[in-house]
């Protein structure tokens, strides 16, 4: 919960707690957080365009690759 709030405009940071939720069996939370992270990514793309980040050194818009 703290990680999601750290950088709420980064879809990747919003998405990361989903890995923990999956490992501890909190599947609904994992689904919900990934949906929220997709919304953040969509908002980013709306403002900045659908940028094509390189795979080396940074993640692209996060969950589209999961």
C-alpha atoms as a PDB file:
ATOM      1  CA  UNK A   1       0.000   0.000   0.000  1.00  0.00           C
ATOM      2  CA  UNK A   2       2.856   2.376   0.728  1.00  0.00           C
ATOM      3  CA  UNK A   3       4.611   1.649  -2.559  1.00  0.00           C
ATOM      4  CA  UNK A   4       1.538   2.490  -4.614  1.00  0.00           C
ATOM      5  CA  UNK A   5       1.323   5.885  -2.890  1.00  0.00           C
ATOM      6  CA  UNK A   6       5.036   6.625  -3.358  1.00  0.00           C
ATOM      7  CA  UNK A   7       4.768   7.558  -7.044  1.00  0.00           C
ATOM      8  CA  UNK A   8       1.062   7.471  -7.912  1.00  0.00           C
ATOM      9  CA  UNK A   9       1.682   8.834 -11.413  1.00  0.00           C
ATOM     10  CA  UNK A  10       3.869   5.849 -12.325  1.00  0.00           C
ATOM     11  CA  UNK A  11       1.827   2.910 -13.519  1.00  0.00           C
ATOM     12  CA  UNK A  12       4.765   0.622 -12.874  1.00  0.00           C
ATOM     13  CA  UNK A  13       5.058   1.663  -9.221  1.00  0.00           C
ATOM     14  CA  UNK A  14       1.311   1.356  -8.743  1.00  0.00           C
ATOM     15  CA  UNK A  15       1.489  -2.139 -10.261  1.00  0.00           C
ATOM     16  CA  UNK A  16       4.410  -3.530  -8.227  1.00  0.00           C
ATOM     17  CA  UNK A  17       2.476  -4.439  -5.045  1.00  0.00           C
ATOM     18  CA  UNK A  18       0.447  -6.773  -7.245  1.00  0.00           C
ATOM     19  CA  UNK A  19       3.389  -9.176  -7.231  1.00  0.00           C
ATOM     20  CA  UNK A  20       3.211  -9.410  -3.447  1.00  0.00           C
ATOM     21  CA  UNK A  21      -0.561  -9.784  -3.478  1.00  0.00           C
ATOM     22  CA  UNK A  22      -0.228 -12.713  -5.893  1.00  0.00           C
ATOM     23  CA  UNK A  23       2.368 -14.441  -3.739  1.00  0.00           C
ATOM     24  CA  UNK A  24       0.244 -14.202  -0.598  1.00  0.00           C
ATOM     25  CA  UNK A  25      -2.957 -15.289  -2.328  1.00  0.00           C
ATOM     26  CA  UNK A  26      -4.659 -11.875  -2.392  1.00  0.00           C
ATOM     27  CA  UNK A  27      -5.812 -12.369  -5.977  1.00  0.00           C
ATOM     28  CA  UNK A  28      -8.612  -9.788  -5.965  1.00  0.00           C
ATOM     29  CA  UNK A  29      -6.206  -7.124  -4.680  1.00  0.00           C
ATOM     30  CA  UNK A  30      -3.714  -8.090  -7.394  1.00  0.00           C
ATOM     31  CA  UNK A  31      -6.391  -7.719 -10.057  1.00  0.00           C
ATOM     32  CA  UNK A  32      -7.605  -4.403  -8.652  1.00  0.00           C
ATOM     33  CA  UNK A  33      -4.138  -2.892  -8.405  1.00  0.00           C
ATOM     34  CA  UNK A  34      -3.310  -3.908 -11.963  1.00  0.00           C
ATOM     35  CA  UNK A  35      -6.518  -2.307 -13.182  1.00  0.00           C
ATOM     36  CA  UNK A  36      -5.581   0.891 -11.313  1.00  0.00           C
ATOM     37  CA  UNK A  37      -2.104   0.833 -12.801  1.00  0.00           C
ATOM     38  CA  UNK A  38      -3.570   0.533 -16.284  1.00  0.00           C
ATOM     39  CA  UNK A  39      -5.660   3.637 -15.596  1.00  0.00           C
ATOM     40  CA  UNK A  40      -2.494   5.489 -14.536  1.00  0.00           C
ATOM     41  CA  UNK A  41      -0.733   4.360 -17.723  1.00  0.00           C
ATOM     42  CA  UNK A  42      -3.688   5.489 -19.814  1.00  0.00           C
ATOM     43  CA  UNK A  43      -3.604   8.898 -18.115  1.00  0.00           C
ATOM     44  CA  UNK A  44       0.127   9.137 -18.814  1.00  0.00           C
ATOM     45  CA  UNK A  45      -0.404   8.265 -22.480  1.00  0.00           C
ATOM     46  CA  UNK A  46      -3.203  10.819 -22.719  1.00  0.00           C
ATOM     47  CA  UNK A  47      -0.896  13.574 -21.483  1.00  0.00           C
ATOM     48  CA  UNK A  48       2.416  12.562 -23.079  1.00  0.00           C
ATOM     49  CA  UNK A  49       1.355  10.355 -25.950  1.00  0.00           C
ATOM     50  CA  UNK A  50       1.940   6.635 -26.192  1.00  0.00           C
ATOM     51  CA  UNK A  51       5.711   6.868 -25.903  1.00  0.00           C
ATOM     52  CA  UNK A  52       7.830   3.943 -26.964  1.00  0.00           C
ATOM     53  CA  UNK A  53      10.265   3.571 -24.073  1.00  0.00           C
ATOM     54  CA  UNK A  54      13.294   1.357 -24.691  1.00  0.00           C
ATOM     55  CA  UNK A  55      13.370  -1.924 -22.769  1.00  0.00           C
ATOM     56  CA  UNK A  56      16.897  -1.271 -21.457  1.00  0.00           C
ATOM     57  CA  UNK A  57      17.155   1.038 -18.460  1.00  0.00           C
ATOM     58  CA  UNK A  58      13.445   1.603 -17.957  1.00  0.00           C
ATOM     59  CA  UNK A  59      10.189  -0.230 -18.215  1.00  0.00           C
ATOM     60  CA  UNK A  60       7.708   0.622 -20.891  1.00  0.00           C
ATOM     61  CA  UNK A  61       4.212   1.407 -19.762  1.00  0.00           C
ATOM     62  CA  UNK A  62       4.201  -1.267 -17.144  1.00  0.00           C
ATOM     63  CA  UNK A  63       1.536  -3.903 -17.260  1.00  0.00           C
ATOM     64  CA  UNK A  64       1.121  -4.069 -20.987  1.00  0.00           C
ATOM     65  CA  UNK A  65       4.079  -6.461 -20.924  1.00  0.00           C
ATOM     66  CA  UNK A  66       2.802  -8.682 -18.094  1.00  0.00           C
END
